[in-house]
C-alpha atoms as a PDB file:
ATOM      1  CA  MET A   1     -44.143 -84.703 117.137  1.00  0.00           C
ATOM      2  CA  THR A   2     -43.382 -84.929 113.414  1.00  0.00           C
ATOM      3  CA  ASP A   3     -45.505 -83.125 110.862  1.00  0.00           C
ATOM      4  CA  LEU A   4     -44.947 -82.586 107.123  1.00  0.00           C
ATOM      5  CA  ARG A   5     -46.325 -79.184 106.126  1.00  0.00           C
ATOM      6  CA  LYS A   6     -46.602 -77.416 102.759  1.00  0.00           C
ATOM      7  CA  ASP A   7     -46.986 -73.714 102.099  1.00  0.00           C
ATOM      8  CA  LEU A   8     -48.803 -73.361  98.788  1.00  0.00           C
ATOM      9  CA  LEU A   9     -48.167 -69.627  98.618  1.00  0.00           C
ATOM     10  CA  LEU A  10     -44.383 -69.959  98.790  1.00  0.00           C
ATOM     11  CA  ASN A  11     -44.269 -73.482  97.349  1.00  0.00           C
ATOM     12  CA  ARG A  12     -42.113 -74.834 100.176  1.00  0.00           C
ATOM     13  CA  TRP A  13     -42.199 -77.953 102.333  1.00  0.00           C
ATOM     14  CA  VAL A  14     -41.138 -78.190 105.975  1.00  0.00           C
ATOM     15  CA  LEU A  15     -40.845 -81.230 108.215  1.00  0.00           C
ATOM     16  CA  VAL A  16     -41.518 -80.199 111.819  1.00  0.00           C
ATOM     17  CA  ALA A  17     -39.592 -82.791 113.841  1.00  0.00           C
ATOM     18  CA  GLU A  18     -39.213 -81.675 117.447  1.00  0.00           C
ATOM     19  CA  ASN A  19     -37.835 -85.054 118.517  1.00  0.00           C
ATOM     20  CA  ARG A  20     -34.690 -84.345 116.467  1.00  0.00           C
ATOM     21  CA  SER A  21     -33.477 -81.947 119.162  1.00  0.00           C
ATOM     22  CA  GLU A  22     -33.096 -84.919 121.547  1.00  0.00           C
ATOM     23  CA  ARG A  23     -30.566 -86.828 119.397  1.00  0.00           C
ATOM     24  CA  PRO A  24     -26.973 -87.249 120.681  1.00  0.00           C
ATOM     25  CA  ASN A  25     -24.613 -84.513 119.523  1.00  0.00           C
ATOM     26  CA  ASP A  26     -20.821 -84.529 119.761  1.00  0.00           C
ATOM     27  CA  TYR A  27     -20.923 -80.849 118.806  1.00  0.00           C
ATOM     28  CA  ALA A  28     -22.872 -79.923 121.895  1.00  0.00           C
ATOM     29  CA  THR A  29     -22.279 -76.166 121.729  1.00  0.00           C
ATOM     30  CA  PRO A  30     -23.444 -74.981 118.306  1.00  0.00           C
ATOM     31  CA  PRO A  31     -21.934 -71.730 117.129  1.00  0.00           C
ATOM     32  CA  ALA A  32     -25.364 -70.217 116.623  1.00  0.00           C
ATOM     33  CA  THR A  33     -25.882 -70.025 120.381  1.00  0.00           C
ATOM     34  CA  THR A  34     -22.422 -68.794 121.283  1.00  0.00           C
ATOM     35  CA  LYS A  35     -22.298 -65.136 122.279  1.00  0.00           C
ATOM     36  CA  GLU A  36     -20.010 -63.222 119.963  1.00  0.00           C
ATOM     37  CA  GLY A  37     -18.003 -60.419 121.498  1.00  0.00           C
ATOM     38  CA  LEU A  38     -17.339 -57.102 119.856  1.00  0.00           C
ATOM     39  CA  PRO A  39     -13.742 -56.431 118.821  1.00  0.00           C
ATOM     40  CA  GLN A  40     -11.792 -54.903 121.701  1.00  0.00           C
ATOM     41  CA  ASP A  41     -10.586 -52.041 119.490  1.00  0.00           C
ATOM     42  CA  PRO A  42     -13.177 -50.643 117.036  1.00  0.00           C
ATOM     43  CA  THR A  43     -10.785 -47.970 115.781  1.00  0.00           C
ATOM     44  CA  ASN A  44     -10.312 -49.864 112.516  1.00  0.00           C
ATOM     45  CA  CYS A  45     -14.029 -50.423 111.863  1.00  0.00           C
ATOM     46  CA  PRO A  46     -14.891 -48.799 108.503  1.00  0.00           C
ATOM     47  CA  PHE A  47     -18.440 -48.130 109.687  1.00  0.00           C
ATOM     48  CA  CYS A  48     -17.433 -46.037 112.707  1.00  0.00           C
ATOM     49  CA  PRO A  49     -17.263 -42.205 112.707  1.00  0.00           C
ATOM     50  CA  SER A  50     -13.970 -40.612 111.643  1.00  0.00           C
ATOM     51  CA  LEU A  51     -13.259 -43.553 109.310  1.00  0.00           C
ATOM     52  CA  GLU A  52     -15.703 -42.569 106.572  1.00  0.00           C
ATOM     53  CA  THR A  53     -12.876 -42.504 103.999  1.00  0.00           C
ATOM     54  CA  GLN A  54     -12.697 -46.296 104.259  1.00  0.00           C
ATOM     55  CA  THR A  55     -16.079 -46.564 102.502  1.00  0.00           C
ATOM     56  CA  PRO A  56     -17.298 -45.071  99.222  1.00  0.00           C
ATOM     57  CA  PRO A  57     -18.906 -41.614  99.609  1.00  0.00           C
ATOM     58  CA  ALA A  58     -22.361 -41.649 101.177  1.00  0.00           C
ATOM     59  CA  VAL A  59     -25.400 -41.525  98.909  1.00  0.00           C
ATOM     60  CA  TYR A  60     -27.681 -40.788 101.866  1.00  0.00           C
ATOM     61  CA  SER A  61     -27.182 -39.639 105.443  1.00  0.00           C
ATOM     62  CA  ALA A  62     -29.401 -38.544 108.304  1.00  0.00           C
ATOM     63  CA  CYS A  63     -27.821 -36.210 110.848  1.00  0.00           C
ATOM     64  CA  ASN A  64     -28.708 -34.956 114.327  1.00  0.00           C
ATOM     65  CA  ALA A  65     -28.983 -31.302 115.341  1.00  0.00           C
ATOM     66  CA  GLU A  66     -25.215 -31.122 115.788  1.00  0.00           C
ATOM     67  CA  GLY A  67     -24.624 -32.324 112.215  1.00  0.00           C
ATOM     68  CA  ASP A  68     -23.322 -35.762 113.193  1.00  0.00           C
ATOM     69  CA  TRP A  69     -24.582 -38.581 111.025  1.00  0.00           C
ATOM     70  CA  GLN A  70     -26.915 -41.105 112.637  1.00  0.00           C
ATOM     71  CA  VAL A  71     -27.605 -43.300 109.602  1.00  0.00           C
ATOM     72  CA  ARG A  72     -25.353 -43.505 106.562  1.00  0.00           C
ATOM     73  CA  VAL A  73     -25.904 -45.304 103.235  1.00  0.00           C
ATOM     74  CA  VAL A  74     -22.930 -46.070 100.997  1.00  0.00           C
ATOM     75  CA  PRO A  75     -22.405 -48.160  97.846  1.00  0.00           C
ATOM     76  CA  ASN A  76     -21.150 -51.615  98.759  1.00  0.00           C
ATOM     77  CA  LYS A  77     -17.378 -51.659  98.293  1.00  0.00           C
ATOM     78  CA  TYR A  78     -17.597 -55.305  97.217  1.00  0.00           C
ATOM     79  CA  PRO A  79     -20.919 -55.429  95.340  1.00  0.00           C
ATOM     80  CA  ALA A  80     -22.622 -58.655  94.363  1.00  0.00           C
ATOM     81  CA  VAL A  81     -24.203 -56.842  91.408  1.00  0.00           C
ATOM     82  CA  GLY A  82     -23.192 -53.852  89.240  1.00  0.00           C
ATOM     83  CA  THR A  83     -23.126 -50.240  90.314  1.00  0.00           C
ATOM     84  CA  ALA A  84     -25.924 -49.036  88.003  1.00  0.00           C
ATOM     85  CA  MET A  85     -23.816 -46.138  86.828  1.00  0.00           C
ATOM     86  CA  GLY A  86     -24.504 -44.659  83.405  1.00  0.00           C
ATOM     87  CA  GLY A  87     -26.275 -47.160  81.209  1.00  0.00           C
ATOM     88  CA  ASP A  88     -25.537 -50.144  83.452  1.00  0.00           C
ATOM     89  CA  LYS A  89     -28.682 -52.078  84.385  1.00  0.00           C
ATOM     90  CA  SER A  90     -27.116 -55.023  86.180  1.00  0.00           C
ATOM     91  CA  GLY A  91     -28.189 -53.893  89.640  1.00  0.00           C
ATOM     92  CA  VAL A  92     -27.397 -51.887  92.754  1.00  0.00           C
ATOM     93  CA  HIS A  93     -25.844 -52.982  96.041  1.00  0.00           C
ATOM     94  CA  GLU A  94     -25.808 -50.535  98.975  1.00  0.00           C
ATOM     95  CA  VAL A  95     -24.951 -50.764 102.670  1.00  0.00           C
ATOM     96  CA  VAL A  96     -27.033 -49.052 105.346  1.00  0.00           C
ATOM     97  CA  ILE A  97     -24.865 -48.253 108.389  1.00  0.00           C
ATOM     98  CA  GLU A  98     -27.532 -48.133 111.064  1.00  0.00           C
ATOM     99  CA  SER A  99     -25.735 -46.281 113.846  1.00  0.00           C
ATOM    100  CA  PRO A 100     -22.491 -44.423 114.524  1.00  0.00           C
ATOM    101  CA  ARG A 101     -22.243 -46.516 117.695  1.00  0.00           C
ATOM    102  CA  HIS A 102     -20.229 -49.731 117.436  1.00  0.00           C
ATOM    103  CA  ILE A 103     -23.093 -52.135 118.225  1.00  0.00           C
ATOM    104  CA  GLN A 104     -24.140 -55.468 116.727  1.00  0.00           C
ATOM    105  CA  ASN A 105     -27.758 -56.141 117.801  1.00  0.00           C
ATOM    106  CA  THR A 106     -30.811 -54.351 116.441  1.00  0.00           C
ATOM    107  CA  ALA A 107     -32.369 -54.079 119.892  1.00  0.00           C
ATOM    108  CA  ASP A 108     -29.325 -52.028 120.942  1.00  0.00           C
ATOM    109  CA  LEU A 109     -30.902 -49.240 118.896  1.00  0.00           C
ATOM    110  CA  THR A 110     -33.729 -47.229 120.390  1.00  0.00           C
ATOM    111  CA  PRO A 111     -37.062 -47.424 118.549  1.00  0.00           C
ATOM    112  CA  LYS A 112     -36.477 -43.820 117.443  1.00  0.00           C
ATOM    113  CA  GLU A 113     -33.088 -44.769 115.999  1.00  0.00           C
ATOM    114  CA  LEU A 114     -34.685 -47.736 114.257  1.00  0.00           C
ATOM    115  CA  ALA A 115     -37.254 -45.367 112.738  1.00  0.00           C
ATOM    116  CA  ASN A 116     -34.376 -43.399 111.232  1.00  0.00           C
ATOM    117  CA  VAL A 117     -33.097 -46.617 109.647  1.00  0.00           C
ATOM    118  CA  LEU A 118     -36.532 -47.354 108.185  1.00  0.00           C
ATOM    119  CA  GLU A 119     -36.674 -43.845 106.760  1.00  0.00           C
ATOM    120  CA  ALA A 120     -33.324 -44.487 105.082  1.00  0.00           C
ATOM    121  CA  TYR A 121     -34.813 -47.639 103.541  1.00  0.00           C
ATOM    122  CA  ASN A 122     -37.769 -45.639 102.236  1.00  0.00           C
ATOM    123  CA  ALA A 123     -35.561 -42.909 100.793  1.00  0.00           C
ATOM    124  CA  ARG A 124     -33.338 -45.337  98.905  1.00  0.00           C
ATOM    125  CA  LEU A 125     -36.272 -47.424  97.677  1.00  0.00           C
ATOM    126  CA  GLU A 126     -37.977 -44.277  96.384  1.00  0.00           C
ATOM    127  CA  HIS A 127     -34.754 -43.176  94.711  1.00  0.00           C
ATOM    128  CA  TRP A 128     -34.252 -46.391  92.785  1.00  0.00           C
ATOM    129  CA  TYR A 129     -37.952 -46.783  92.003  1.00  0.00           C
ATOM    130  CA  GLU A 130     -37.981 -43.353  90.404  1.00  0.00           C
ATOM    131  CA  ASP A 131     -34.810 -44.249  88.486  1.00  0.00           C
ATOM    132  CA  GLY A 132     -37.048 -46.416  86.299  1.00  0.00           C
ATOM    133  CA  ARG A 133     -34.491 -49.018  85.221  1.00  0.00           C
ATOM    134  CA  PHE A 134     -35.180 -51.695  87.808  1.00  0.00           C
ATOM    135  CA  GLY A 135     -37.924 -54.188  88.554  1.00  0.00           C
ATOM    136  CA  TYR A 136     -37.274 -55.366  92.071  1.00  0.00           C
ATOM    137  CA  ALA A 137     -35.601 -54.398  95.349  1.00  0.00           C
ATOM    138  CA  MET A 138     -34.898 -56.282  98.547  1.00  0.00           C
ATOM    139  CA  ILE A 139     -33.511 -55.214 101.914  1.00  0.00           C
ATOM    140  CA  PHE A 140     -31.749 -57.727 104.116  1.00  0.00           C
ATOM    141  CA  LYS A 141     -29.659 -57.845 107.254  1.00  0.00           C
ATOM    142  CA  ASN A 142     -27.161 -60.488 108.411  1.00  0.00           C
ATOM    143  CA  VAL A 143     -26.538 -60.354 112.152  1.00  0.00           C
ATOM    144  CA  HIS A 144     -23.521 -62.281 113.541  1.00  0.00           C
ATOM    145  CA  SER A 145     -21.124 -64.393 111.517  1.00  0.00           C
ATOM    146  CA  MET A 146     -23.286 -67.524 111.523  1.00  0.00           C
ATOM    147  CA  ALA A 147     -25.869 -65.531 109.535  1.00  0.00           C
ATOM    148  CA  GLY A 148     -23.316 -64.311 106.998  1.00  0.00           C
ATOM    149  CA  ALA A 149     -22.145 -61.010 108.485  1.00  0.00           C
ATOM    150  CA  SER A 150     -18.527 -60.120 107.726  1.00  0.00           C
ATOM    151  CA  LEU A 151     -18.451 -56.958 109.863  1.00  0.00           C
ATOM    152  CA  VAL A 152     -19.787 -56.678 113.412  1.00  0.00           C
ATOM    153  CA  HIS A 153     -20.963 -53.061 113.257  1.00  0.00           C
ATOM    154  CA  LEU A 154     -24.755 -53.093 112.810  1.00  0.00           C
ATOM    155  CA  HIS A 155     -25.711 -52.673 109.179  1.00  0.00           C
ATOM    156  CA  SER A 156     -28.143 -53.853 106.537  1.00  0.00           C
ATOM    157  CA  GLN A 157     -28.034 -54.057 102.750  1.00  0.00           C
ATOM    158  CA  ILE A 158     -30.177 -53.009  99.806  1.00  0.00           C
ATOM    159  CA  MET A 159     -30.068 -54.880  96.521  1.00  0.00           C
ATOM    160  CA  VAL A 160     -31.889 -53.616  93.443  1.00  0.00           C
ATOM    161  CA  LEU A 161     -32.280 -55.937  90.452  1.00  0.00           C
ATOM    162  CA  PRO A 162     -33.400 -55.413  86.858  1.00  0.00           C
ATOM    163  CA  GLU A 163     -35.641 -58.488  86.889  1.00  0.00           C
ATOM    164  CA  VAL A 164     -37.996 -60.060  89.424  1.00  0.00           C
ATOM    165  CA  PRO A 165     -36.540 -63.248  90.994  1.00  0.00           C
ATOM    166  CA  PRO A 166     -38.404 -66.518  90.268  1.00  0.00           C
ATOM    167  CA  ALA A 167     -39.511 -67.004  93.889  1.00  0.00           C
ATOM    168  CA  CYS A 168     -41.255 -63.612  93.846  1.00  0.00           C
ATOM    169  CA  LEU A 169     -42.959 -64.368  90.547  1.00  0.00           C
ATOM    170  CA  GLN A 170     -44.143 -67.663  92.024  1.00  0.00           C
ATOM    171  CA  GLU A 171     -45.641 -65.866  95.012  1.00  0.00           C
ATOM    172  CA  LEU A 172     -47.486 -63.369  92.798  1.00  0.00           C
ATOM    173  CA  TYR A 173     -48.823 -66.261  90.713  1.00  0.00           C
ATOM    174  CA  GLN A 174     -50.097 -68.041  93.815  1.00  0.00           C
ATOM    175  CA  LEU A 175     -51.650 -64.824  95.148  1.00  0.00           C
ATOM    176  CA  ASP A 176     -53.542 -64.333  91.874  1.00  0.00           C
ATOM    177  CA  ARG A 177     -54.604 -67.953  91.789  1.00  0.00           C
ATOM    178  CA  PHE A 178     -55.900 -67.823  95.368  1.00  0.00           C
ATOM    179  CA  ARG A 179     -57.873 -64.646  94.623  1.00  0.00           C
ATOM    180  CA  GLN A 180     -59.456 -66.215  91.564  1.00  0.00           C
ATOM    181  CA  GLU A 181     -60.459 -69.346  93.474  1.00  0.00           C
ATOM    182  CA  HIS A 182     -61.530 -67.756  96.775  1.00  0.00           C
ATOM    183  CA  ASP A 183     -62.295 -64.140  95.877  1.00  0.00           C
ATOM    184  CA  GLN A 184     -60.014 -62.788  98.603  1.00  0.00           C
ATOM    185  CA  CYS A 185     -56.379 -62.026  99.297  1.00  0.00           C
ATOM    186  CA  ALA A 186     -54.409 -65.060 100.482  1.00  0.00           C
ATOM    187  CA  LEU A 187     -52.391 -63.027 102.982  1.00  0.00           C
ATOM    188  CA  CYS A 188     -55.502 -61.272 104.320  1.00  0.00           C
ATOM    189  CA  GLU A 189     -57.001 -64.716 104.853  1.00  0.00           C
ATOM    190  CA  ARG A 190     -53.821 -65.941 106.525  1.00  0.00           C
ATOM    191  CA  ILE A 191     -53.646 -62.936 108.863  1.00  0.00           C
ATOM    192  CA  ALA A 192     -57.309 -63.380 109.829  1.00  0.00           C
ATOM    193  CA  ARG A 193     -56.765 -67.079 110.511  1.00  0.00           C
ATOM    194  CA  GLU A 194     -53.685 -66.481 112.659  1.00  0.00           C
ATOM    195  CA  ARG A 195     -55.489 -63.773 114.631  1.00  0.00           C
ATOM    196  CA  ASN A 196     -58.407 -66.115 115.217  1.00  0.00           C
ATOM    197  CA  ASP A 197     -56.308 -69.160 116.178  1.00  0.00           C
ATOM    198  CA  SER A 198     -53.725 -67.084 118.084  1.00  0.00           C
ATOM    199  CA  VAL A 199     -51.451 -70.125 118.651  1.00  0.00           C
ATOM    200  CA  ARG A 200     -48.824 -68.813 116.237  1.00  0.00           C
ATOM    201  CA  LEU A 201     -49.449 -65.133 116.988  1.00  0.00           C
ATOM    202  CA  VAL A 202     -46.564 -63.284 118.644  1.00  0.00           C
ATOM    203  CA  LEU A 203     -47.831 -59.710 118.534  1.00  0.00           C
ATOM    204  CA  ASP A 204     -50.900 -57.862 117.222  1.00  0.00           C
ATOM    205  CA  ARG A 205     -50.960 -54.094 117.550  1.00  0.00           C
ATOM    206  CA  ASP A 206     -50.882 -50.786 115.705  1.00  0.00           C
ATOM    207  CA  GLY A 207     -51.913 -52.307 112.381  1.00  0.00           C
ATOM    208  CA  TYR A 208     -49.227 -55.007 112.345  1.00  0.00           C
ATOM    209  CA  VAL A 209     -49.159 -58.694 113.232  1.00  0.00           C
ATOM    210  CA  ALA A 210     -46.123 -60.819 114.034  1.00  0.00           C
ATOM    211  CA  ILE A 211     -46.534 -64.561 113.543  1.00  0.00           C
ATOM    212  CA  CYS A 212     -44.462 -67.725 113.499  1.00  0.00           C
ATOM    213  CA  PRO A 213     -45.685 -69.124 110.156  1.00  0.00           C
ATOM    214  CA  TYR A 214     -47.408 -72.505 110.078  1.00  0.00           C
ATOM    215  CA  VAL A 215     -44.736 -73.653 107.614  1.00  0.00           C
ATOM    216  CA  SER A 216     -41.621 -72.238 109.303  1.00  0.00           C
ATOM    217  CA  MET A 217     -38.316 -73.273 107.740  1.00  0.00           C
ATOM    218  CA  HIS A 218     -36.320 -72.166 110.780  1.00  0.00           C
ATOM    219  CA  ALA A 219     -36.813 -72.456 114.524  1.00  0.00           C
ATOM    220  CA  TYR A 220     -38.391 -69.233 115.814  1.00  0.00           C
ATOM    221  CA  GLU A 221     -38.901 -67.895 112.285  1.00  0.00           C
ATOM    222  CA  THR A 222     -41.088 -64.798 112.617  1.00  0.00           C
ATOM    223  CA  TRP A 223     -42.949 -62.697 110.064  1.00  0.00           C
ATOM    224  CA  LEU A 224     -44.101 -59.132 110.652  1.00  0.00           C
ATOM    225  CA  LEU A 225     -46.881 -58.032 108.311  1.00  0.00           C
ATOM    226  CA  PRO A 226     -49.088 -54.952 108.003  1.00  0.00           C
ATOM    227  CA  VAL A 227     -52.780 -55.731 108.144  1.00  0.00           C
ATOM    228  CA  ASP A 228     -53.373 -53.424 105.165  1.00  0.00           C
ATOM    229  CA  HIS A 229     -52.054 -53.692 101.623  1.00  0.00           C
ATOM    230  CA  GLY A 230     -49.192 -51.500 100.458  1.00  0.00           C
ATOM    231  CA  ARG A 231     -46.153 -51.246  98.188  1.00  0.00           C
ATOM    232  CA  TRP A 232     -43.505 -51.438 100.909  1.00  0.00           C
ATOM    233  CA  PHE A 233     -42.935 -50.789 104.559  1.00  0.00           C
ATOM    234  CA  PRO A 234     -44.526 -48.745 105.868  1.00  0.00           C
ATOM    235  CA  PRO A 235     -47.638 -48.819 103.645  1.00  0.00           C
ATOM    236  CA  THR A 236     -47.843 -45.028 103.943  1.00  0.00           C
ATOM    237  CA  ALA A 237     -44.333 -43.639 104.159  1.00  0.00           C
ATOM    238  CA  ASN A 238     -44.530 -40.806 106.656  1.00  0.00           C
ATOM    239  CA  ARG A 239     -42.978 -40.091 110.029  1.00  0.00           C
ATOM    240  CA  VAL A 240     -45.900 -41.326 112.117  1.00  0.00           C
ATOM    241  CA  SER A 241     -46.251 -44.712 110.384  1.00  0.00           C
ATOM    242  CA  THR A 242     -42.492 -45.183 110.258  1.00  0.00           C
ATOM    243  CA  GLU A 243     -42.245 -44.654 114.006  1.00  0.00           C
ATOM    244  CA  THR A 244     -45.163 -47.034 114.541  1.00  0.00           C
ATOM    245  CA  LEU A 245     -43.517 -49.780 112.507  1.00  0.00           C
ATOM    246  CA  ALA A 246     -40.186 -49.146 114.246  1.00  0.00           C
ATOM    247  CA  GLY A 247     -41.793 -49.645 117.650  1.00  0.00           C
ATOM    248  CA  VAL A 248     -43.387 -52.939 116.624  1.00  0.00           C
ATOM    249  CA  LEU A 249     -40.278 -54.231 114.835  1.00  0.00           C
ATOM    250  CA  TRP A 250     -38.037 -53.268 117.744  1.00  0.00           C
ATOM    251  CA  GLU A 251     -40.250 -55.212 120.141  1.00  0.00           C
ATOM    252  CA  VAL A 252     -40.267 -58.329 117.937  1.00  0.00           C
ATOM    253  CA  LEU A 253     -36.486 -58.311 117.479  1.00  0.00           C
ATOM    254  CA  SER A 254     -35.930 -57.560 121.145  1.00  0.00           C
ATOM    255  CA  ARG A 255     -37.991 -60.608 122.114  1.00  0.00           C
ATOM    256  CA  ILE A 256     -35.972 -62.811 119.751  1.00  0.00           C
ATOM    257  CA  GLU A 257     -32.636 -61.424 120.919  1.00  0.00           C
ATOM    258  CA  ARG A 258     -33.593 -61.895 124.574  1.00  0.00           C
ATOM    259  CA  LEU A 259     -34.973 -65.401 124.101  1.00  0.00           C
ATOM    260  CA  LEU A 260     -31.961 -66.499 122.024  1.00  0.00           C
ATOM    261  CA  PRO A 261     -28.973 -64.511 123.349  1.00  0.00           C
ATOM    262  CA  GLY A 262     -26.209 -64.102 120.802  1.00  0.00           C
ATOM    263  CA  VAL A 263     -28.112 -65.902 118.059  1.00  0.00           C
ATOM    264  CA  GLY A 264     -27.327 -65.043 114.470  1.00  0.00           C
ATOM    265  CA  TYR A 265     -30.269 -64.184 112.275  1.00  0.00           C
ATOM    266  CA  ASN A 266     -31.213 -62.923 108.849  1.00  0.00           C
ATOM    267  CA  MET A 267     -33.862 -60.259 108.410  1.00  0.00           C
ATOM    268  CA  ILE A 268     -35.479 -59.806 104.994  1.00  0.00           C
ATOM    269  CA  VAL A 269     -37.794 -56.978 103.963  1.00  0.00           C
ATOM    270  CA  ARG A 270     -40.000 -58.208 101.121  1.00  0.00           C
ATOM    271  CA  ILE A 271     -41.833 -55.681  98.968  1.00  0.00           C
ATOM    272  CA  ALA A 272     -44.005 -56.007  95.887  1.00  0.00           C
ATOM    273  CA  PRO A 273     -41.985 -56.025  92.656  1.00  0.00           C
ATOM    274  CA  TRP A 274     -41.973 -52.574  91.103  1.00  0.00           C
ATOM    275  CA  SER A 275     -42.509 -53.934  87.617  1.00  0.00           C
ATOM    276  CA  ALA A 276     -45.718 -55.674  88.735  1.00  0.00           C
ATOM    277  CA  GLN A 277     -47.322 -52.418  89.962  1.00  0.00           C
ATOM    278  CA  ARG A 278     -49.177 -54.307  92.689  1.00  0.00           C
ATOM    279  CA  THR A 279     -51.323 -52.538  95.238  1.00  0.00           C
ATOM    280  CA  ASP A 280     -52.899 -55.711  96.707  1.00  0.00           C
ATOM    281  CA  TYR A 281     -49.760 -56.863  98.487  1.00  0.00           C
ATOM    282  CA  HIS A 282     -48.675 -57.210 102.100  1.00  0.00           C
ATOM    283  CA  PRO A 283     -45.001 -56.235 102.300  1.00  0.00           C
ATOM    284  CA  ARG A 284     -43.429 -58.067 105.191  1.00  0.00           C
ATOM    285  CA  ILE A 285     -40.353 -58.468 107.315  1.00  0.00           C
ATOM    286  CA  GLU A 286     -39.129 -62.042 107.748  1.00  0.00           C
ATOM    287  CA  ILE A 287     -36.720 -62.932 110.549  1.00  0.00           C
ATOM    288  CA  TYR A 288     -34.788 -66.202 110.376  1.00  0.00           C
ATOM    289  CA  PRO A 289     -32.779 -67.169 113.485  1.00  0.00           C
ATOM    290  CA  ARG A 290     -29.879 -69.402 112.466  1.00  0.00           C
ATOM    291  CA  ILE A 291     -30.062 -72.088 115.135  1.00  0.00           C
ATOM    292  CA  ASP A 292     -30.124 -75.083 112.808  1.00  0.00           C
ATOM    293  CA  MET A 293     -27.868 -75.773 109.850  1.00  0.00           C
ATOM    294  CA  PHE A 294     -28.964 -77.176 106.522  1.00  0.00           C
ATOM    295  CA  ALA A 295     -27.683 -80.714 105.940  1.00  0.00           C
ATOM    296  CA  GLY A 296     -27.927 -83.503 103.397  1.00  0.00           C
ATOM    297  CA  PHE A 297     -31.676 -84.069 103.646  1.00  0.00           C
ATOM    298  CA  GLU A 298     -32.470 -80.402 103.044  1.00  0.00           C
ATOM    299  CA  LEU A 299     -30.044 -80.144 100.127  1.00  0.00           C
ATOM    300  CA  GLY A 300     -31.294 -83.350  98.570  1.00  0.00           C
ATOM    301  CA  THR A 301     -35.034 -82.763  98.900  1.00  0.00           C
ATOM    302  CA  SER A 302     -35.543 -78.981  99.385  1.00  0.00           C
ATOM    303  CA  ILE A 303     -37.611 -79.991 102.418  1.00  0.00           C
ATOM    304  CA  HIS A 304     -36.401 -78.219 105.538  1.00  0.00           C
ATOM    305  CA  ILE A 305     -36.367 -79.883 108.954  1.00  0.00           C
ATOM    306  CA  ASN A 306     -37.471 -77.559 111.753  1.00  0.00           C
ATOM    307  CA  GLN A 307     -36.843 -78.859 115.278  1.00  0.00           C
ATOM    308  CA  VAL A 308     -39.044 -76.246 116.977  1.00  0.00           C
ATOM    309  CA  SER A 309     -42.715 -76.076 116.072  1.00  0.00           C
ATOM    310  CA  PRO A 310     -44.002 -72.581 115.230  1.00  0.00           C
ATOM    311  CA  GLU A 311     -46.705 -73.058 117.857  1.00  0.00           C
ATOM    312  CA  PHE A 312     -44.094 -73.579 120.593  1.00  0.00           C
ATOM    313  CA  ALA A 313     -41.914 -70.768 119.216  1.00  0.00           C
ATOM    314  CA  ALA A 314     -44.783 -68.277 119.277  1.00  0.00           C
ATOM    315  CA  GLN A 315     -45.669 -69.291 122.827  1.00  0.00           C
ATOM    316  CA  LYS A 316     -42.090 -68.637 123.994  1.00  0.00           C
ATOM    317  CA  LEU A 317     -41.857 -65.321 122.152  1.00  0.00           C
ATOM    318  CA  ARG A 318     -45.208 -64.119 123.527  1.00  0.00           C
ATOM    319  CA  ALA A 319     -43.992 -64.812 127.043  1.00  0.00           C
ATOM    320  CA  MET A 320     -40.694 -62.981 126.527  1.00  0.00           C
ATOM    321  CA  GLU A 321     -40.708 -59.358 127.637  1.00  0.00           C
ATOM    322  CA  PRO A 322     -38.651 -57.047 125.390  1.00  0.00           C
ATOM    323  CA  HIS A 323     -35.726 -55.491 127.220  1.00  0.00           C
ATOM    324  CA  ARG A 324     -35.835 -51.801 128.059  1.00  0.00           C
ATOM    325  CA  SER A 325     -32.157 -51.097 128.553  1.00  0.00           C
ATOM    326  CA  CYS A 326     -31.899 -48.743 125.586  1.00  0.00           C
ATOM    327  CA  GLY A 327     -35.077 -46.891 126.383  1.00  0.00           C
ATOM    328  CA  THR A 328     -38.388 -46.754 124.519  1.00  0.00           C
END
């Protein structure tokens, strides 16, 4: 099956071409499906306990009853943007160390531990929002080297920018245009349609839906959205809703990590731009498994080839039971 699809909201084209997976391949074992092992000796890992001096001082930490840190946020030692110190407005780049344990997969956390990570996100987003100098923030995670990770130890990153990136402005424009033409929210309409069709629905519970988007750039691409509008995840930042989101997110990531063992992936948390002051927005978490590599066609046309239809991907993910080895 080949199918050219366009997402008007994100202004992107995707060619779903499942027959491409059957072509001959001299590189029969792609690195994206090769299980990466943890280093035998984590004693030199800068994200492990007792080596805190190898990172800048923490700007946030959450500790257990014994006073041991469980989540730690530090300025990125090699920032892609400025440090936002003093009058600097060039941006902020922070690293969220998600566990003192030397692990590399998100599902190796417990849902409770993941809730602590989400609370760290909320705390840092609130901090930089109240700072008043910045217009946009994004959280992202690179898992495994094929997704851009340079260190194995599980971590994510926060980048805060003075201006709103063009892709985000484009999305806001399309959201406003859709509302003017149809008198409803485009993402509300999309969520309702996916719930009704159910063919691309992975999960629907506790006020969140996980879908494989109709126009998926990557095989097994999955979006997790709240049904209600809000500024960022969770729409109401309190312990109960954070734990609810953590449980849903953990299950989605666990399904992906079980279905695609050792796969690298990028996770992006998209929130409404602060400068736009939007309340009619669905913040979302996008997960992009890195099974396929971009090649000449993608670079030359900006049209991505996806060898796994989102309908098939959702079917496989629905059937995959999340593992329970770390406890829930």
